[in-house]
Amino acid sequence: MSILQLKPSILVETPLGTGQAIFIIDYGMHQNTCWVVALQKDGVIKHFDCNDVILSTNYTYGMNLRKNHFPVKESSPPSE
């Protein structure tokens, strides 16, 4: 088992709402990772299976834009 503290924390979406992922617990190759998240609405700390956590939209880095129905530009290779 290993525990990774996320510095800085990562803004994520969970079944219980938006929160800050602060730790990831890896129990080994036969189990999914566990994400420890502080929920934004009330600060409650909850554990989530990795299948229940997605990265929140980040407009600066262009991450997860499809979640908010924004068209995603596909990058094309530079022309020579």
PDB file of N, CA and C in Angstrom:
ATOM      1  N   MET A   1       0.852  -1.173   0.000  1.00  0.00           N
ATOM      2  CA  MET A   1       0.000   0.000   0.000  1.00  0.00           C
ATOM      3  C   MET A   1       0.896   1.234   0.000  1.00  0.00           C
ATOM      4  N   SER A   2       0.491   2.236  -0.745  1.00  0.00           N
ATOM      5  CA  SER A   2       1.197   3.506  -0.728  1.00  0.00           C
ATOM      6  C   SER A   2       0.166   4.641  -0.740  1.00  0.00           C
ATOM      7  N   ILE A   3       0.560   5.751  -0.114  1.00  0.00           N
ATOM      8  CA  ILE A   3      -0.293   6.933  -0.043  1.00  0.00           C
ATOM      9  C   ILE A   3       0.462   8.096  -0.658  1.00  0.00           C
ATOM     10  N   LEU A   4      -0.197   8.783  -1.584  1.00  0.00           N
ATOM     11  CA  LEU A   4       0.397   9.937  -2.244  1.00  0.00           C
ATOM     12  C   LEU A   4      -0.381  11.185  -1.847  1.00  0.00           C
ATOM     13  N   GLN A   5       0.314  12.153  -1.238  1.00  0.00           N
ATOM     14  CA  GLN A   5      -0.323  13.433  -0.941  1.00  0.00           C
ATOM     15  C   GLN A   5      -0.214  14.319  -2.168  1.00  0.00           C
ATOM     16  N   LEU A   6      -1.324  14.875  -2.613  1.00  0.00           N
ATOM     17  CA  LEU A   6      -1.342  15.720  -3.797  1.00  0.00           C
ATOM     18  C   LEU A   6      -1.047  17.162  -3.406  1.00  0.00           C
ATOM     19  N   LYS A   7       0.063  17.675  -3.885  1.00  0.00           N
ATOM     20  CA  LYS A   7       0.471  19.064  -3.619  1.00  0.00           C
ATOM     21  C   LYS A   7       0.783  19.722  -4.946  1.00  0.00           C
ATOM     22  N   PRO A   8      -0.028  20.579  -5.449  1.00  0.00           N
ATOM     23  CA  PRO A   8      -1.274  21.066  -4.870  1.00  0.00           C
ATOM     24  C   PRO A   8      -2.399  20.056  -5.052  1.00  0.00           C
ATOM     25  N   SER A   9      -3.479  20.265  -4.344  1.00  0.00           N
ATOM     26  CA  SER A   9      -4.648  19.392  -4.493  1.00  0.00           C
ATOM     27  C   SER A   9      -5.229  19.563  -5.896  1.00  0.00           C
ATOM     28  N   ILE A  10      -6.071  18.615  -6.290  1.00  0.00           N
ATOM     29  CA  ILE A  10      -6.656  18.619  -7.632  1.00  0.00           C
ATOM     30  C   ILE A  10      -8.169  18.783  -7.512  1.00  0.00           C
ATOM     31  N   LEU A  11      -8.737  19.713  -8.262  1.00  0.00           N
ATOM     32  CA  LEU A  11     -10.187  19.912  -8.267  1.00  0.00           C
ATOM     33  C   LEU A  11     -10.833  18.787  -9.078  1.00  0.00           C
ATOM     34  N   VAL A  12     -11.752  18.052  -8.453  1.00  0.00           N
ATOM     35  CA  VAL A  12     -12.380  16.898  -9.094  1.00  0.00           C
ATOM     36  C   VAL A  12     -13.889  16.934  -8.903  1.00  0.00           C
ATOM     37  N   GLU A  13     -14.568  16.151  -9.731  1.00  0.00           N
ATOM     38  CA  GLU A  13     -16.012  15.948  -9.630  1.00  0.00           C
ATOM     39  C   GLU A  13     -16.244  14.533  -9.111  1.00  0.00           C
ATOM     40  N   THR A  14     -17.147  14.405  -8.136  1.00  0.00           N
ATOM     41  CA  THR A  14     -17.471  13.107  -7.544  1.00  0.00           C
ATOM     42  C   THR A  14     -18.981  12.912  -7.580  1.00  0.00           C
ATOM     43  N   PRO A  15     -19.475  11.724  -7.252  1.00  0.00           N
ATOM     44  CA  PRO A  15     -20.932  11.540  -7.175  1.00  0.00           C
ATOM     45  C   PRO A  15     -21.600  12.441  -6.134  1.00  0.00           C
ATOM     46  N   LEU A  16     -20.819  12.963  -5.175  1.00  0.00           N
ATOM     47  CA  LEU A  16     -21.375  13.835  -4.138  1.00  0.00           C
ATOM     48  C   LEU A  16     -21.099  15.319  -4.396  1.00  0.00           C
ATOM     49  N   GLY A  17     -20.538  15.639  -5.554  1.00  0.00           N
ATOM     50  CA  GLY A  17     -20.258  17.029  -5.899  1.00  0.00           C
ATOM     51  C   GLY A  17     -18.778  17.302  -6.089  1.00  0.00           C
ATOM     52  N   THR A  18     -18.466  18.579  -6.270  1.00  0.00           N
ATOM     53  CA  THR A  18     -17.094  19.024  -6.508  1.00  0.00           C
ATOM     54  C   THR A  18     -16.300  18.982  -5.212  1.00  0.00           C
ATOM     55  N   GLY A  19     -15.010  18.690  -5.343  1.00  0.00           N
ATOM     56  CA  GLY A  19     -14.148  18.685  -4.172  1.00  0.00           C
ATOM     57  C   GLY A  19     -12.684  18.766  -4.549  1.00  0.00           C
ATOM     58  N   GLN A  20     -11.844  18.846  -3.527  1.00  0.00           N
ATOM     59  CA  GLN A  20     -10.393  18.883  -3.709  1.00  0.00           C
ATOM     60  C   GLN A  20      -9.832  17.512  -3.359  1.00  0.00           C
ATOM     61  N   ALA A  21      -9.209  16.840  -4.329  1.00  0.00           N
ATOM     62  CA  ALA A  21      -8.532  15.573  -4.057  1.00  0.00           C
ATOM     63  C   ALA A  21      -7.239  15.894  -3.318  1.00  0.00           C
ATOM     64  N   ILE A  22      -7.066  15.296  -2.141  1.00  0.00           N
ATOM     65  CA  ILE A  22      -5.890  15.611  -1.333  1.00  0.00           C
ATOM     66  C   ILE A  22      -4.942  14.435  -1.163  1.00  0.00           C
ATOM     67  N   PHE A  23      -5.447  13.213  -1.295  1.00  0.00           N
ATOM     68  CA  PHE A  23      -4.617  12.010  -1.210  1.00  0.00           C
ATOM     69  C   PHE A  23      -5.101  10.984  -2.211  1.00  0.00           C
ATOM     70  N   ILE A  24      -4.194  10.121  -2.641  1.00  0.00           N
ATOM     71  CA  ILE A  24      -4.533   8.931  -3.406  1.00  0.00           C
ATOM     72  C   ILE A  24      -3.932   7.752  -2.653  1.00  0.00           C
ATOM     73  N   ILE A  25      -4.735   6.723  -2.420  1.00  0.00           N
ATOM     74  CA  ILE A  25      -4.257   5.527  -1.740  1.00  0.00           C
ATOM     75  C   ILE A  25      -4.243   4.388  -2.753  1.00  0.00           C
ATOM     76  N   ASP A  26      -3.078   3.780  -2.924  1.00  0.00           N
ATOM     77  CA  ASP A  26      -2.918   2.664  -3.857  1.00  0.00           C
ATOM     78  C   ASP A  26      -2.730   1.392  -3.040  1.00  0.00           C
ATOM     79  N   TYR A  27      -3.704   0.494  -3.135  1.00  0.00           N
ATOM     80  CA  TYR A  27      -3.665  -0.752  -2.371  1.00  0.00           C
ATOM     81  C   TYR A  27      -2.975  -1.888  -3.117  1.00  0.00           C
ATOM     82  N   GLY A  28      -2.522  -1.625  -4.329  1.00  0.00           N
ATOM     83  CA  GLY A  28      -1.852  -2.663  -5.102  1.00  0.00           C
ATOM     84  C   GLY A  28      -2.573  -2.968  -6.393  1.00  0.00           C
ATOM     85  N   MET A  29      -2.011  -3.878  -7.140  1.00  0.00           N
ATOM     86  CA  MET A  29      -2.500  -4.138  -8.495  1.00  0.00           C
ATOM     87  C   MET A  29      -3.856  -4.835  -8.564  1.00  0.00           C
ATOM     88  N   HIS A  30      -4.363  -5.362  -7.481  1.00  0.00           N
ATOM     89  CA  HIS A  30      -5.626  -6.087  -7.524  1.00  0.00           C
ATOM     90  C   HIS A  30      -6.815  -5.270  -7.028  1.00  0.00           C
ATOM     91  N   GLN A  31      -6.579  -3.994  -6.697  1.00  0.00           N
ATOM     92  CA  GLN A  31      -7.667  -3.125  -6.257  1.00  0.00           C
ATOM     93  C   GLN A  31      -7.518  -1.759  -6.911  1.00  0.00           C
ATOM     94  N   ASN A  32      -8.652  -1.097  -7.131  1.00  0.00           N
ATOM     95  CA  ASN A  32      -8.627   0.261  -7.671  1.00  0.00           C
ATOM     96  C   ASN A  32      -8.055   1.228  -6.636  1.00  0.00           C
ATOM     97  N   THR A  33      -7.510   2.315  -7.125  1.00  0.00           N
ATOM     98  CA  THR A  33      -7.006   3.331  -6.202  1.00  0.00           C
ATOM     99  C   THR A  33      -8.175   4.026  -5.509  1.00  0.00           C
ATOM    100  N   CYS A  34      -7.911   4.539  -4.334  1.00  0.00           N
ATOM    101  CA  CYS A  34      -8.897   5.253  -3.534  1.00  0.00           C
ATOM    102  C   CYS A  34      -8.489   6.717  -3.506  1.00  0.00           C
ATOM    103  N   TRP A  35      -9.410   7.598  -3.861  1.00  0.00           N
ATOM    104  CA  TRP A  35      -9.151   9.035  -3.846  1.00  0.00           C
ATOM    105  C   TRP A  35      -9.795   9.617  -2.595  1.00  0.00           C
ATOM    106  N   VAL A  36      -9.024  10.375  -1.833  1.00  0.00           N
ATOM    107  CA  VAL A  36      -9.519  11.034  -0.629  1.00  0.00           C
ATOM    108  C   VAL A  36      -9.805  12.486  -1.011  1.00  0.00           C
ATOM    109  N   VAL A  37     -11.070  12.875  -0.884  1.00  0.00           N
ATOM    110  CA  VAL A  37     -11.527  14.168  -1.404  1.00  0.00           C
ATOM    111  C   VAL A  37     -12.224  14.973  -0.301  1.00  0.00           C
ATOM    112  N   ALA A  38     -11.862  16.246  -0.180  1.00  0.00           N
ATOM    113  CA  ALA A  38     -12.571  17.182   0.692  1.00  0.00           C
ATOM    114  C   ALA A  38     -13.653  17.846  -0.153  1.00  0.00           C
ATOM    115  N   LEU A  39     -14.910  17.615   0.194  1.00  0.00           N
ATOM    116  CA  LEU A  39     -16.015  18.149  -0.595  1.00  0.00           C
ATOM    117  C   LEU A  39     -16.137  19.662  -0.410  1.00  0.00           C
ATOM    118  N   GLN A  40     -16.406  20.326  -1.510  1.00  0.00           N
ATOM    119  CA  GLN A  40     -16.465  21.792  -1.525  1.00  0.00           C
ATOM    120  C   GLN A  40     -17.654  22.327  -0.729  1.00  0.00           C
ATOM    121  N   LYS A  41     -18.787  21.640  -0.803  1.00  0.00           N
ATOM    122  CA  LYS A  41     -20.008  22.181  -0.200  1.00  0.00           C
ATOM    123  C   LYS A  41     -19.975  22.220   1.325  1.00  0.00           C
ATOM    124  N   ASP A  42     -19.281  21.261   1.959  1.00  0.00           N
ATOM    125  CA  ASP A  42     -19.311  21.226   3.421  1.00  0.00           C
ATOM    126  C   ASP A  42     -17.982  20.810   4.066  1.00  0.00           C
ATOM    127  N   GLY A  43     -16.955  20.561   3.257  1.00  0.00           N
ATOM    128  CA  GLY A  43     -15.642  20.217   3.788  1.00  0.00           C
ATOM    129  C   GLY A  43     -15.512  18.798   4.297  1.00  0.00           C
ATOM    130  N   VAL A  44     -16.547  17.996   4.135  1.00  0.00           N
ATOM    131  CA  VAL A  44     -16.504  16.611   4.589  1.00  0.00           C
ATOM    132  C   VAL A  44     -15.479  15.843   3.755  1.00  0.00           C
ATOM    133  N   ILE A  45     -14.700  15.002   4.421  1.00  0.00           N
ATOM    134  CA  ILE A  45     -13.701  14.168   3.745  1.00  0.00           C
ATOM    135  C   ILE A  45     -14.348  12.835   3.404  1.00  0.00           C
ATOM    136  N   LYS A  46     -14.274  12.447   2.135  1.00  0.00           N
ATOM    137  CA  LYS A  46     -14.847  11.178   1.674  1.00  0.00           C
ATOM    138  C   LYS A  46     -13.816  10.424   0.851  1.00  0.00           C
ATOM    139  N   HIS A  47     -13.979   9.101   0.803  1.00  0.00           N
ATOM    140  CA  HIS A  47     -13.136   8.234  -0.018  1.00  0.00           C
ATOM    141  C   HIS A  47     -13.945   7.796  -1.230  1.00  0.00           C
ATOM    142  N   PHE A  48     -13.313   7.843  -2.423  1.00  0.00           N
ATOM    143  CA  PHE A  48     -13.989   7.457  -3.659  1.00  0.00           C
ATOM    144  C   PHE A  48     -13.118   6.498  -4.443  1.00  0.00           C
ATOM    145  N   ASP A  49     -13.760   5.539  -5.068  1.00  0.00           N
ATOM    146  CA  ASP A  49     -13.081   4.650  -6.001  1.00  0.00           C
ATOM    147  C   ASP A  49     -12.648   5.471  -7.211  1.00  0.00           C
ATOM    148  N   CYS A  50     -11.543   5.092  -7.832  1.00  0.00           N
ATOM    149  CA  CYS A  50     -11.026   5.867  -8.964  1.00  0.00           C
ATOM    150  C   CYS A  50     -12.029   5.973 -10.113  1.00  0.00           C
ATOM    151  N   ASN A  51     -12.946   5.019 -10.231  1.00  0.00           N
ATOM    152  CA  ASN A  51     -13.955   5.077 -11.295  1.00  0.00           C
ATOM    153  C   ASN A  51     -15.023   6.133 -11.042  1.00  0.00           C
ATOM    154  N   ASP A  52     -15.066   6.696  -9.833  1.00  0.00           N
ATOM    155  CA  ASP A  52     -16.078   7.687  -9.479  1.00  0.00           C
ATOM    156  C   ASP A  52     -15.555   9.114  -9.462  1.00  0.00           C
ATOM    157  N   VAL A  53     -14.311   9.315  -9.867  1.00  0.00           N
ATOM    158  CA  VAL A  53     -13.686  10.637  -9.802  1.00  0.00           C
ATOM    159  C   VAL A  53     -13.263  11.070 -11.206  1.00  0.00           C
ATOM    160  N   ILE A  54     -13.651  12.293 -11.585  1.00  0.00           N
ATOM    161  CA  ILE A  54     -13.170  12.847 -12.853  1.00  0.00           C
ATOM    162  C   ILE A  54     -12.595  14.243 -12.602  1.00  0.00           C
ATOM    163  N   LEU A  55     -11.668  14.618 -13.423  1.00  0.00           N
ATOM    164  CA  LEU A  55     -11.031  15.916 -13.320  1.00  0.00           C
ATOM    165  C   LEU A  55     -12.034  17.005 -13.660  1.00  0.00           C
ATOM    166  N   SER A  56     -12.074  18.060 -12.852  1.00  0.00           N
ATOM    167  CA  SER A  56     -12.949  19.193 -13.151  1.00  0.00           C
ATOM    168  C   SER A  56     -12.427  19.940 -14.367  1.00  0.00           C
ATOM    169  N   THR A  57     -13.298  20.693 -14.991  1.00  0.00           N
ATOM    170  CA  THR A  57     -12.909  21.482 -16.153  1.00  0.00           C
ATOM    171  C   THR A  57     -11.851  22.508 -15.769  1.00  0.00           C
ATOM    172  N   ASN A  58     -10.807  22.594 -16.575  1.00  0.00           N
ATOM    173  CA  ASN A  58      -9.751  23.585 -16.368  1.00  0.00           C
ATOM    174  C   ASN A  58      -9.584  24.323 -17.690  1.00  0.00           C
ATOM    175  N   TYR A  59     -10.100  25.544 -17.748  1.00  0.00           N
ATOM    176  CA  TYR A  59     -10.072  26.309 -18.996  1.00  0.00           C
ATOM    177  C   TYR A  59      -8.667  26.747 -19.372  1.00  0.00           C
ATOM    178  N   THR A  60      -7.830  27.021 -18.390  1.00  0.00           N
ATOM    179  CA  THR A  60      -6.456  27.451 -18.661  1.00  0.00           C
ATOM    180  C   THR A  60      -5.686  26.383 -19.412  1.00  0.00           C
ATOM    181  N   TYR A  61      -5.828  25.134 -18.966  1.00  0.00           N
ATOM    182  CA  TYR A  61      -5.090  24.035 -19.593  1.00  0.00           C
ATOM    183  C   TYR A  61      -5.930  23.274 -20.614  1.00  0.00           C
ATOM    184  N   GLY A  62      -7.175  23.684 -20.811  1.00  0.00           N
ATOM    185  CA  GLY A  62      -8.028  23.043 -21.804  1.00  0.00           C
ATOM    186  C   GLY A  62      -8.396  21.612 -21.448  1.00  0.00           C
ATOM    187  N   MET A  63      -8.536  21.320 -20.159  1.00  0.00           N
ATOM    188  CA  MET A  63      -8.828  19.958 -19.723  1.00  0.00           C
ATOM    189  C   MET A  63     -10.309  19.780 -19.416  1.00  0.00           C
ATOM    190  N   ASN A  64     -10.862  18.663 -19.887  1.00  0.00           N
ATOM    191  CA  ASN A  64     -12.241  18.259 -19.618  1.00  0.00           C
ATOM    192  C   ASN A  64     -13.250  19.311 -20.075  1.00  0.00           C
ATOM    193  N   LEU A  65     -13.021  19.897 -21.233  1.00  0.00           N
ATOM    194  CA  LEU A  65     -13.947  20.908 -21.761  1.00  0.00           C
ATOM    195  C   LEU A  65     -15.245  20.294 -22.249  1.00  0.00           C
ATOM    196  N   ARG A  66     -15.222  19.046 -22.665  1.00  0.00           N
ATOM    197  CA  ARG A  66     -16.437  18.401 -23.177  1.00  0.00           C
ATOM    198  C   ARG A  66     -17.507  18.274 -22.106  1.00  0.00           C
ATOM    199  N   LYS A  67     -17.107  18.184 -20.843  1.00  0.00           N
ATOM    200  CA  LYS A  67     -18.067  18.084 -19.743  1.00  0.00           C
ATOM    201  C   LYS A  67     -19.017  19.274 -19.750  1.00  0.00           C
ATOM    202  N   ASN A  68     -18.529  20.436 -20.160  1.00  0.00           N
ATOM    203  CA  ASN A  68     -19.344  21.645 -20.192  1.00  0.00           C
ATOM    204  C   ASN A  68     -19.796  22.009 -21.598  1.00  0.00           C
ATOM    205  N   HIS A  69     -19.777  21.034 -22.487  1.00  0.00           N
ATOM    206  CA  HIS A  69     -20.308  21.169 -23.847  1.00  0.00           C
ATOM    207  C   HIS A  69     -19.608  22.235 -24.683  1.00  0.00           C
ATOM    208  N   PHE A  70     -18.333  22.460 -24.422  1.00  0.00           N
ATOM    209  CA  PHE A  70     -17.557  23.364 -25.257  1.00  0.00           C
ATOM    210  C   PHE A  70     -16.872  22.540 -26.333  1.00  0.00           C
ATOM    211  N   PRO A  71     -16.844  23.028 -27.568  1.00  0.00           N
ATOM    212  CA  PRO A  71     -16.150  22.269 -28.609  1.00  0.00           C
ATOM    213  C   PRO A  71     -14.664  22.178 -28.280  1.00  0.00           C
ATOM    214  N   VAL A  72     -14.110  21.031 -28.578  1.00  0.00           N
ATOM    215  CA  VAL A  72     -12.688  20.806 -28.319  1.00  0.00           C
ATOM    216  C   VAL A  72     -11.947  20.880 -29.636  1.00  0.00           C
ATOM    217  N   LYS A  73     -10.983  21.781 -29.727  1.00  0.00           N
ATOM    218  CA  LYS A  73     -10.186  21.897 -30.942  1.00  0.00           C
ATOM    219  C   LYS A  73      -9.175  20.766 -30.979  1.00  0.00           C
ATOM    220  N   GLU A  74      -9.177  20.051 -32.072  1.00  0.00           N
ATOM    221  CA  GLU A  74      -8.164  19.018 -32.255  1.00  0.00           C
ATOM    222  C   GLU A  74      -6.912  19.692 -32.795  1.00  0.00           C
ATOM    223  N   SER A  75      -5.804  19.424 -32.182  1.00  0.00           N
ATOM    224  CA  SER A  75      -4.559  20.047 -32.635  1.00  0.00           C
ATOM    225  C   SER A  75      -4.092  19.345 -33.901  1.00  0.00           C
ATOM    226  N   SER A  76      -3.641  20.129 -34.853  1.00  0.00           N
ATOM    227  CA  SER A  76      -3.143  19.564 -36.111  1.00  0.00           C
ATOM    228  C   SER A  76      -1.627  19.676 -36.119  1.00  0.00           C
ATOM    229  N   PRO A  77      -0.967  18.750 -36.800  1.00  0.00           N
ATOM    230  CA  PRO A  77       0.504  18.815 -36.830  1.00  0.00           C
ATOM    231  C   PRO A  77       0.957  20.065 -37.555  1.00  0.00           C
ATOM    232  N   PRO A  78       2.070  20.645 -37.137  1.00  0.00           N
ATOM    233  CA  PRO A  78       2.560  21.864 -37.800  1.00  0.00           C
ATOM    234  C   PRO A  78       2.920  21.585 -39.260  1.00  0.00           C
ATOM    235  N   SER A  79       2.586  22.519 -40.124  1.00  0.00           N
ATOM    236  CA  SER A  79       2.911  22.347 -41.547  1.00  0.00           C
ATOM    237  C   SER A  79       4.349  22.801 -41.783  1.00  0.00           C
ATOM    238  N   GLU A  80       4.964  22.141 -42.730  1.00  0.00           N
ATOM    239  CA  GLU A  80       6.367  22.480 -43.032  1.00  0.00           C
ATOM    240  C   GLU A  80       6.484  23.314 -44.261  1.00  0.00           C
TER     241      GLU A  80
END
